[in-house]
């Protein structure tokens, strides 16, 4: 890869788990009433055909990992578990009361925070409480994020009994120096143990999350981490860029100096060399920064153009309606986004008043909907098309004219009706999506909002 390309295109940019991105939501035109209206509309259009997805945010962690950009509450007091589960089930009840019939659940994902902070018994209570008010789709997929240090065999067995078949373990990097800097100490044998347990119990998709660009991380560290990962053969993995955003996360990302974080070409080299090692093991690059073996459902979804991306990241199936439960969770009706209260006490107070704890959101315009689909196409399939009338928008010629330089650099191939990202262009897919981001163009940020794109 040309060094000049990395330097040229490594600018702050969104990760595009949504469009519009959260900083560009039009909160003035949003209301709880509008959110409920789009929720019911989306449910009517999609429940019987494809079911709905649930994302459940479990925010508690016993210690702070300084690489993390997630919304969390640090505590060692496990008595917080029961009232939180009670609140989430109350929120689910309020949603079910809005829906005209029983929801059919296609996906459940438990994220955090640390879902395995919760005891197996409390997680069982949570999932059974959710399923008591729903039906399960025939092709459902339940998944959760597990911390290798506190995921027990009982966690894995209980969730397997409840229908979970996919688990993701956060690894990040195996270097002791890097682990110390990010305050995430977990030896390889802990990861190996939970991976072997999951496989033995019968989980069909085991994932590891790796991060490149962490403080003090060297090429030798990445090679060692990838080789250890390859020895465990997870079915899929994420190998994503560390988002250094200390201006957003405050002290959580100030445990090291900015100069300790790899940048530009040095950072990108970590990914490229890691990708080579993964390819030798049979992993295929899927979307942006994700890899899967040919036997995994994510690879099959990618090959069949069914890969989807939302606030849970990449998923092997798409539902129009995704309801987020729990503090700070974001819901997506396709026509609107809605985010829950970020403060736990306010979240509880809203539910005690029998209110959905939504505090902000965005209703998508027709232009938003079209651009959202183009960005989804690029992020999931590395191509998009405006052959069909419904895929065209009036500012498209301006967008295409601004892609000329990327075309000249060999990052994309343009035809009169299509755009295809080349192999050379895949590291810059976020930059390519930014060309379509009219809300970003119309209101360029005065301060840095996003992490670097490469």
Protein backbone atom coordinates (compact mmCIF):
# COMPACT_ATOMS: atom_id res chain seq x y z
CA UNK A 1 0.00 0.00 0.00
CA UNK A 2 1.25 3.47 -0.85
CA UNK A 3 2.41 5.34 2.23
CA UNK A 4 1.11 8.57 0.75
CA UNK A 5 -2.41 7.14 0.52
CA UNK A 6 -2.56 6.37 4.24
CA UNK A 7 -1.33 9.85 5.11
CA UNK A 8 -3.67 11.41 2.56
CA UNK A 9 -6.87 9.68 3.65
CA UNK A 10 -6.30 9.18 7.38
CA UNK A 11 -8.74 11.82 8.60
CA UNK A 12 -11.42 11.84 11.33
CA UNK A 13 -14.55 10.02 10.13
CA UNK A 14 -17.58 8.04 11.31
CA UNK A 15 -17.68 4.23 11.64
CA UNK A 16 -21.16 4.18 10.05
CA UNK A 17 -23.05 1.85 12.32
CA UNK A 18 -25.89 4.19 11.32
CA UNK A 19 -26.74 6.94 8.88
CA UNK A 20 -27.18 9.68 9.84
CA UNK A 21 -24.48 9.26 12.48
CA UNK A 22 -25.48 10.17 16.03
CA UNK A 23 -23.85 13.65 16.09
CA UNK A 24 -25.99 14.56 13.05
CA UNK A 25 -29.35 13.45 14.34
CA UNK A 26 -32.03 16.12 14.03
CA UNK A 27 -33.33 15.97 17.58
CA UNK A 28 -35.61 18.99 17.11
CA UNK A 29 -37.97 17.06 14.81
CA UNK A 30 -37.94 13.93 17.00
CA UNK A 31 -40.48 13.00 19.65
CA UNK A 32 -41.47 9.91 21.59
CA UNK A 33 -44.79 9.91 19.73
CA UNK A 34 -43.02 9.85 16.34
CA UNK A 35 -40.74 7.07 17.54
CA UNK A 36 -43.72 4.95 18.61
CA UNK A 37 -45.42 5.60 15.25
CA UNK A 38 -42.42 4.39 13.23
CA UNK A 39 -41.97 1.45 15.62
CA UNK A 40 -45.52 0.21 15.00
CA UNK A 41 -45.19 0.83 11.24
CA UNK A 42 -41.95 -1.14 11.00
CA UNK A 43 -43.34 -3.94 13.17
CA UNK A 44 -46.41 -4.28 10.94
CA UNK A 45 -44.22 -4.48 7.83
CA UNK A 46 -41.63 -6.91 9.14
CA UNK A 47 -42.64 -9.01 12.16
CA UNK A 48 -44.28 -11.88 10.28
CA UNK A 49 -41.79 -11.76 7.39
CA UNK A 50 -38.47 -11.56 9.22
CA UNK A 51 -39.03 -11.00 12.95
CA UNK A 52 -37.29 -8.37 15.06
CA UNK A 53 -33.89 -7.99 16.72
CA UNK A 54 -33.21 -7.17 20.35
CA UNK A 55 -30.03 -5.57 21.63
CA UNK A 56 -29.79 -5.66 25.43
CA UNK A 57 -27.17 -3.43 27.03
CA UNK A 58 -25.72 -4.76 30.29
CA UNK A 59 -23.52 -1.87 31.41
CA UNK A 60 -21.68 -3.10 34.50
CA UNK A 61 -17.93 -3.83 34.61
CA UNK A 62 -15.76 -4.59 37.61
CA UNK A 63 -12.87 -2.52 36.24
CA UNK A 64 -12.29 0.10 33.55
CA UNK A 65 -10.59 -0.94 30.29
CA UNK A 66 -9.00 2.22 28.95
CA UNK A 67 -9.36 1.25 25.27
CA UNK A 68 -13.14 0.95 25.57
CA UNK A 69 -15.57 3.40 23.99
CA UNK A 70 -18.74 1.74 25.31
CA UNK A 71 -21.18 3.13 27.86
CA UNK A 72 -20.49 1.39 31.17
CA UNK A 73 -20.82 1.65 34.96
CA UNK A 74 -17.82 0.47 37.00
CA UNK A 75 -18.73 -1.40 40.19
CA UNK A 76 -17.90 -4.54 42.14
CA UNK A 77 -21.32 -4.57 43.81
CA UNK A 78 -23.27 -7.41 42.24
CA UNK A 79 -26.47 -6.49 44.05
CA UNK A 80 -26.99 -4.07 41.14
CA UNK A 81 -27.90 -7.03 38.89
CA UNK A 82 -31.43 -7.76 40.06
CA UNK A 83 -32.87 -4.20 39.90
CA UNK A 84 -31.33 -3.73 36.47
CA UNK A 85 -32.90 -6.90 35.07
CA UNK A 86 -36.22 -5.87 36.59
CA UNK A 87 -35.95 -2.51 34.80
CA UNK A 88 -35.05 -4.06 31.43
CA UNK A 89 -38.01 -6.43 31.64
CA UNK A 90 -40.26 -3.48 32.51
CA UNK A 91 -38.99 -1.66 29.41
CA UNK A 92 -39.67 -4.75 27.28
CA UNK A 93 -43.20 -4.93 28.72
CA UNK A 94 -43.83 -1.29 27.70
CA UNK A 95 -42.69 -2.07 24.15
CA UNK A 96 -44.84 -5.22 23.94
CA UNK A 97 -47.88 -3.22 25.05
CA UNK A 98 -47.38 -0.94 22.02
CA UNK A 99 -47.26 -3.82 19.54
CA UNK A 100 -50.45 -5.26 18.04
CA UNK A 101 -49.32 -8.88 18.36
CA UNK A 102 -46.59 -11.03 19.89
CA UNK A 103 -43.18 -10.16 18.48
CA UNK A 104 -41.21 -12.86 16.69
CA UNK A 105 -37.59 -12.60 17.83
CA UNK A 106 -34.97 -13.37 15.22
CA UNK A 107 -31.92 -11.98 17.01
CA UNK A 108 -30.91 -11.30 20.60
CA UNK A 109 -27.51 -9.84 21.38
CA UNK A 110 -26.24 -9.18 24.90
CA UNK A 111 -23.64 -6.42 24.89
CA UNK A 112 -22.02 -4.17 27.42
CA UNK A 113 -20.32 -3.39 29.60
CA UNK A 114 -19.71 -6.95 30.59
CA UNK A 115 -22.72 -9.26 30.16
CA UNK A 116 -20.92 -12.00 32.10
CA UNK A 117 -20.71 -9.61 35.08
CA UNK A 118 -24.23 -10.95 35.66
CA UNK A 119 -24.66 -14.37 37.25
CA UNK A 120 -25.91 -17.24 35.07
CA UNK A 121 -29.08 -17.34 37.16
CA UNK A 122 -29.83 -13.66 36.58
CA UNK A 123 -29.12 -13.93 32.86
CA UNK A 124 -31.53 -16.87 32.74
CA UNK A 125 -34.18 -14.77 34.47
CA UNK A 126 -33.62 -11.98 31.95
CA UNK A 127 -33.86 -14.15 28.83
CA UNK A 128 -36.84 -16.15 30.07
CA UNK A 129 -38.59 -12.88 30.91
CA UNK A 130 -37.97 -11.63 27.37
CA UNK A 131 -39.11 -14.84 25.70
CA UNK A 132 -42.26 -15.13 27.82
CA UNK A 133 -43.68 -12.22 25.82
CA UNK A 134 -42.49 -13.36 22.39
CA UNK A 135 -42.20 -16.13 19.84
CA UNK A 136 -38.88 -17.32 18.43
CA UNK A 137 -38.19 -17.28 14.69
CA UNK A 138 -37.24 -20.58 13.08
CA UNK A 139 -33.85 -19.19 11.98
CA UNK A 140 -33.07 -17.26 15.16
CA UNK A 141 -29.58 -16.28 16.30
CA UNK A 142 -28.83 -15.46 19.94
CA UNK A 143 -25.37 -14.14 20.83
CA UNK A 144 -23.53 -12.60 23.74
CA UNK A 145 -20.23 -10.97 24.62
CA UNK A 146 -18.17 -12.83 27.21
CA UNK A 147 -15.19 -11.64 29.23
CA UNK A 148 -12.61 -14.47 29.24
CA UNK A 149 -11.72 -13.74 32.86
CA UNK A 150 -15.21 -14.13 34.32
CA UNK A 151 -17.15 -16.28 31.84
CA UNK A 152 -17.78 -19.55 33.63
CA UNK A 153 -18.72 -22.89 32.15
CA UNK A 154 -22.10 -22.43 33.84
CA UNK A 155 -22.59 -19.13 31.95
CA UNK A 156 -21.98 -20.94 28.69
CA UNK A 157 -24.18 -23.92 29.58
CA UNK A 158 -27.13 -21.85 30.82
CA UNK A 159 -27.13 -19.53 27.81
CA UNK A 160 -26.73 -22.50 25.44
CA UNK A 161 -29.82 -24.09 27.01
CA UNK A 162 -31.69 -20.82 26.36
CA UNK A 163 -30.82 -20.94 22.64
CA UNK A 164 -27.55 -19.04 22.41
CA UNK A 165 -25.20 -20.46 19.79
CA UNK A 166 -22.79 -17.58 19.21
CA UNK A 167 -20.36 -16.06 21.70
CA UNK A 168 -17.76 -13.33 21.26
CA UNK A 169 -14.75 -13.09 23.56
CA UNK A 170 -12.85 -9.84 23.95
CA UNK A 171 -9.13 -10.48 23.51
CA UNK A 172 -7.62 -7.20 22.21
CA UNK A 173 -3.91 -8.16 22.47
CA UNK A 174 -1.82 -10.72 24.39
CA UNK A 175 1.17 -8.43 25.17
CA UNK A 176 1.50 -7.83 28.92
CA UNK A 177 2.73 -4.28 28.30
CA UNK A 178 -0.27 -3.47 26.10
CA UNK A 179 -2.67 -5.16 28.52
CA UNK A 180 -1.27 -3.12 31.40
CA UNK A 181 -1.68 0.13 29.43
CA UNK A 182 -5.32 -0.61 28.58
CA UNK A 183 -6.03 -2.07 32.05
CA UNK A 184 -7.20 -5.40 30.65
CA UNK A 185 -5.08 -8.21 32.05
CA UNK A 186 -6.12 -11.60 30.72
CA UNK A 187 -3.67 -14.40 29.97
CA UNK A 188 -3.94 -16.59 26.88
CA UNK A 189 -4.94 -19.65 28.89
CA UNK A 190 -8.12 -17.88 30.07
CA UNK A 191 -9.14 -17.25 26.46
CA UNK A 192 -8.21 -20.81 25.44
CA UNK A 193 -10.22 -22.25 28.33
CA UNK A 194 -13.49 -20.46 27.52
CA UNK A 195 -13.03 -21.11 23.78
CA UNK A 196 -12.62 -24.85 24.38
CA UNK A 197 -15.59 -24.89 26.75
CA UNK A 198 -17.82 -23.14 24.23
CA UNK A 199 -16.83 -25.52 21.46
CA UNK A 200 -17.32 -28.54 23.72
CA UNK A 201 -20.78 -27.36 24.80
CA UNK A 202 -21.85 -26.93 21.18
CA UNK A 203 -21.60 -23.24 20.24
CA UNK A 204 -21.56 -23.06 16.45
CA UNK A 205 -19.91 -19.64 16.11
CA UNK A 206 -17.13 -18.54 18.44
CA UNK A 207 -15.66 -15.10 17.83
CA UNK A 208 -12.60 -13.27 19.15
CA UNK A 209 -12.30 -9.47 19.19
CA UNK A 210 -8.81 -8.15 18.45
CA UNK A 211 -7.72 -4.50 18.28
CA UNK A 212 -4.83 -2.91 16.40
CA UNK A 213 -3.32 0.48 17.11
CA UNK A 214 -3.35 0.09 20.91
CA UNK A 215 -0.80 1.97 23.05
CA UNK A 216 2.69 0.44 22.97
CA UNK A 217 1.51 -2.20 20.47
CA UNK A 218 4.25 -3.36 18.09
CA UNK A 219 4.23 -5.52 14.97
CA UNK A 220 5.72 -8.35 17.05
CA UNK A 221 2.78 -8.05 19.48
CA UNK A 222 0.24 -8.31 16.67
CA UNK A 223 1.98 -11.29 15.08
CA UNK A 224 2.08 -13.07 18.43
CA UNK A 225 -1.61 -12.30 19.09
CA UNK A 226 -2.69 -13.49 15.63
CA UNK A 227 -0.64 -16.68 15.91
CA UNK A 228 -2.18 -17.46 19.29
CA UNK A 229 -5.63 -16.69 17.87
CA UNK A 230 -5.02 -18.95 14.87
CA UNK A 231 -4.09 -21.78 17.24
CA UNK A 232 -7.62 -21.60 18.73
CA UNK A 233 -9.37 -21.31 15.32
CA UNK A 234 -12.36 -19.12 16.25
CA UNK A 235 -15.08 -19.25 13.58
CA UNK A 236 -14.99 -15.50 13.06
CA UNK A 237 -13.17 -12.53 14.49
CA UNK A 238 -13.11 -8.77 14.52
CA UNK A 239 -9.72 -7.11 14.02
CA UNK A 240 -10.60 -3.49 14.34
CA UNK A 241 -8.91 -0.16 14.78
CA UNK A 242 -8.53 1.31 18.25
CA UNK A 243 -10.55 4.53 18.36
CA UNK A 244 -8.38 7.03 20.23
CA UNK A 245 -10.94 9.61 21.36
CA UNK A 246 -9.75 10.94 24.75
CA UNK A 247 -11.64 14.21 24.17
CA UNK A 248 -14.84 12.14 24.40
CA UNK A 249 -13.87 9.48 26.93
CA UNK A 250 -11.92 11.71 29.30
CA UNK A 251 -9.68 10.05 31.86
CA UNK A 252 -10.49 6.57 30.55
CA UNK A 253 -8.14 7.12 27.61
CA UNK A 254 -5.56 9.27 29.39
CA UNK A 255 -3.70 6.39 31.06
CA UNK A 256 -1.01 6.81 28.42
CA UNK A 257 0.37 9.53 26.19
CA UNK A 258 -0.83 10.25 22.65
CA UNK A 259 2.71 9.47 21.46
CA UNK A 260 2.36 5.92 22.83
CA UNK A 261 -0.36 5.14 20.25
CA UNK A 262 0.75 3.88 16.79
CA UNK A 263 -0.34 6.20 13.98
CA UNK A 264 -0.73 6.39 10.21
CA UNK A 265 1.50 3.95 8.29
CA UNK A 266 2.87 2.24 11.40
CA UNK A 267 -0.67 1.58 12.60
CA UNK A 268 -1.90 0.37 9.21
CA UNK A 269 1.04 -2.03 8.92
CA UNK A 270 -0.24 -3.81 12.03
CA UNK A 271 -3.51 -4.55 10.25
CA UNK A 272 -2.02 -5.54 6.90
CA UNK A 273 0.45 -7.99 8.45
CA UNK A 274 -2.23 -9.41 10.72
CA UNK A 275 -4.54 -9.87 7.76
CA UNK A 276 -1.88 -11.87 5.89
CA UNK A 277 -1.53 -14.27 8.82
CA UNK A 278 -5.29 -14.68 9.05
CA UNK A 279 -5.55 -15.38 5.32
CA UNK A 280 -2.96 -18.15 5.68
CA UNK A 281 -5.26 -19.77 8.24
CA UNK A 282 -8.26 -19.61 5.88
CA UNK A 283 -9.97 -16.46 7.15
CA UNK A 284 -11.74 -14.23 4.62
CA UNK A 285 -12.07 -10.48 5.06
CA UNK A 286 -15.76 -9.66 5.54
CA UNK A 287 -16.93 -6.08 5.39
CA UNK A 288 -14.65 -3.71 7.28
CA UNK A 289 -12.19 -5.21 9.80
CA UNK A 290 -14.05 -8.53 10.17
CA UNK A 291 -12.93 -12.03 9.19
CA UNK A 292 -14.63 -15.43 9.03
CA UNK A 293 -13.95 -19.00 8.05
CA UNK A 294 -15.93 -20.35 5.11
CA UNK A 295 -18.01 -22.49 7.47
CA UNK A 296 -19.31 -19.49 9.43
CA UNK A 297 -22.69 -17.87 8.81
CA UNK A 298 -21.10 -14.43 8.41
CA UNK A 299 -19.02 -15.63 5.44
CA UNK A 300 -22.10 -17.18 3.86
CA UNK A 301 -24.08 -13.96 4.41
CA UNK A 302 -21.30 -11.94 2.77
CA UNK A 303 -21.16 -14.24 -0.26
CA UNK A 304 -24.95 -14.12 -0.63
CA UNK A 305 -25.08 -10.29 -0.25
CA UNK A 306 -27.10 -10.66 2.97
CA UNK A 307 -24.57 -9.12 5.36
CA UNK A 308 -26.06 -6.29 7.44
CA UNK A 309 -24.61 -3.58 9.66
CA UNK A 310 -26.30 -1.78 12.54
CA UNK A 311 -25.55 -0.60 16.08
CA UNK A 312 -24.57 -4.18 16.98
CA UNK A 313 -21.94 -4.13 14.21
CA UNK A 314 -22.03 -6.66 11.36
CA UNK A 315 -24.74 -9.31 11.50
CA UNK A 316 -25.42 -12.31 9.28
CA UNK A 317 -29.10 -11.43 8.89
CA UNK A 318 -31.18 -8.29 8.61
CA UNK A 319 -34.30 -7.21 10.43
CA UNK A 320 -36.00 -3.91 9.72
CA UNK A 321 -36.79 -3.40 13.41
CA UNK A 322 -34.16 -3.52 16.15
CA UNK A 323 -35.22 -2.63 19.69
CA UNK A 324 -32.51 -1.62 22.12
CA UNK A 325 -33.21 -2.34 25.77
CA UNK A 326 -31.23 -1.03 28.72
CA UNK A 327 -29.45 2.18 29.61
CA UNK A 328 -27.97 4.07 26.60
CA UNK A 329 -29.24 1.47 24.08
CA UNK A 330 -30.17 2.65 20.59
CA UNK A 331 -33.21 1.33 18.73
CA UNK A 332 -33.73 1.37 14.96
CA UNK A 333 -37.11 1.11 13.25
CA UNK A 334 -35.44 1.75 9.86
CA UNK A 335 -37.48 4.97 9.65
CA UNK A 336 -36.16 6.40 12.92
CA UNK A 337 -33.51 5.98 15.62
CA UNK A 338 -34.12 6.38 19.35
CA UNK A 339 -31.61 6.34 22.20
CA UNK A 340 -32.33 5.53 25.84
CA UNK A 341 -31.28 7.66 28.79
CA UNK A 342 -27.54 7.39 29.42
CA UNK A 343 -27.64 7.82 33.19
CA UNK A 344 -28.78 4.76 35.10
CA UNK A 345 -30.76 6.71 37.70
CA UNK A 346 -32.69 8.63 35.02
CA UNK A 347 -33.33 5.40 33.12
CA UNK A 348 -34.86 3.86 36.26
CA UNK A 349 -36.91 7.00 37.01
CA UNK A 350 -38.47 7.07 33.53
CA UNK A 351 -39.46 3.41 33.76
CA UNK A 352 -40.94 3.97 37.24
CA UNK A 353 -43.22 6.52 35.56
CA UNK A 354 -44.25 3.89 32.97
CA UNK A 355 -42.46 5.80 30.20
CA UNK A 356 -40.18 4.45 27.50
CA UNK A 357 -36.79 5.80 28.63
CA UNK A 358 -36.00 7.39 25.23
CA UNK A 359 -34.34 10.80 25.45
CA UNK A 360 -33.28 11.60 21.88
CA UNK A 361 -33.54 10.33 18.34
CA UNK A 362 -33.87 11.07 14.65
CA UNK A 363 -36.61 10.55 12.08
CA UNK A 364 -35.05 9.75 8.70
CA UNK A 365 -35.98 11.84 5.68
CA UNK A 366 -36.42 10.27 2.24
CA UNK A 367 -32.93 11.48 1.34
CA UNK A 368 -31.56 9.91 4.55
CA UNK A 369 -33.14 6.56 3.66
CA UNK A 370 -31.56 6.48 0.20
CA UNK A 371 -28.11 7.52 1.41
CA UNK A 372 -28.34 5.07 4.30
CA UNK A 373 -28.81 2.22 1.83
CA UNK A 374 -25.82 3.31 -0.27
CA UNK A 375 -23.59 3.47 2.82
CA UNK A 376 -24.86 0.06 3.97
CA UNK A 377 -24.07 -1.37 0.53
CA UNK A 378 -20.55 0.00 0.65
CA UNK A 379 -19.87 -1.15 4.20
CA UNK A 380 -21.31 -4.64 3.67
CA UNK A 381 -20.68 -5.46 0.00
CA UNK A 382 -18.04 -2.93 -1.13
CA UNK A 383 -20.28 -1.75 -3.97
CA UNK A 384 -23.46 0.19 -4.61
CA UNK A 385 -25.71 1.04 -7.54
CA UNK A 386 -28.19 3.73 -8.55
CA UNK A 387 -29.65 1.90 -11.56
CA UNK A 388 -33.06 1.83 -9.93
CA UNK A 389 -35.02 5.05 -9.67
CA UNK A 390 -35.51 4.64 -5.91
CA UNK A 391 -31.70 4.57 -5.40
CA UNK A 392 -31.14 7.96 -7.03
CA UNK A 393 -31.03 11.25 -5.12
CA UNK A 394 -30.68 14.74 -6.53
CA UNK A 395 -27.23 15.44 -5.07
CA UNK A 396 -25.71 12.21 -6.44
CA UNK A 397 -23.87 13.95 -9.33
CA UNK A 398 -22.13 16.22 -6.80
CA UNK A 399 -21.19 13.20 -4.66
CA UNK A 400 -19.75 11.39 -7.69
CA UNK A 401 -17.77 14.43 -8.78
CA UNK A 402 -16.08 14.45 -5.37
CA UNK A 403 -15.01 10.82 -5.81
CA UNK A 404 -12.83 11.56 -8.85
CA UNK A 405 -9.63 11.74 -6.81
CA UNK A 406 -10.35 8.38 -5.17
CA UNK A 407 -10.99 6.94 -8.63
CA UNK A 408 -7.67 8.33 -9.85
CA UNK A 409 -5.94 6.79 -6.80
CA UNK A 410 -7.36 3.38 -7.72
CA UNK A 411 -9.59 3.08 -4.64
CA UNK A 412 -12.87 2.75 -6.55
CA UNK A 413 -14.20 1.88 -9.99
CA UNK A 414 -17.02 4.10 -11.26
CA UNK A 415 -19.42 3.30 -14.09
CA UNK A 416 -22.45 5.42 -15.09
CA UNK A 417 -24.62 3.53 -12.58
CA UNK A 418 -22.32 1.73 -10.12
CA UNK A 419 -19.47 2.18 -7.66
CA UNK A 420 -17.17 -0.68 -6.68
CA UNK A 421 -14.49 -0.53 -4.00
CA UNK A 422 -11.22 -2.12 -5.16
CA UNK A 423 -8.93 -4.26 -2.99
CA UNK A 424 -6.68 -1.22 -2.77
CA UNK A 425 -9.64 0.85 -1.62
CA UNK A 426 -10.96 -1.42 1.14
CA UNK A 427 -8.88 0.23 3.90
CA UNK A 428 -10.53 3.53 2.92
CA UNK A 429 -14.17 2.43 2.81
CA UNK A 430 -15.07 4.88 5.60
CA UNK A 431 -13.64 7.72 3.49
CA UNK A 432 -15.67 6.55 0.49
CA UNK A 433 -18.83 6.51 2.60
CA UNK A 434 -18.05 10.04 3.78
CA UNK A 435 -18.45 11.25 0.20
CA UNK A 436 -22.12 10.20 0.42
CA UNK A 437 -22.61 11.73 3.88
CA UNK A 438 -24.50 14.90 2.98
CA UNK A 439 -25.24 15.78 6.60
CA UNK A 440 -21.51 15.74 7.39
CA UNK A 441 -20.79 17.87 4.29
CA UNK A 442 -23.48 20.43 5.09
CA UNK A 443 -22.32 20.92 8.65
CA UNK A 444 -18.63 20.13 8.92
CA UNK A 445 -17.65 19.79 12.60
CA UNK A 446 -15.70 22.65 14.16
CA UNK A 447 -14.03 20.23 16.57
CA UNK A 448 -12.99 16.58 16.18
CA UNK A 449 -16.00 14.28 16.67
CA UNK A 450 -14.73 11.02 15.24
CA UNK A 451 -11.75 8.69 15.39
CA UNK A 452 -9.32 8.47 12.47
CA UNK A 453 -10.53 6.50 9.44
CA UNK A 454 -7.46 4.36 8.75
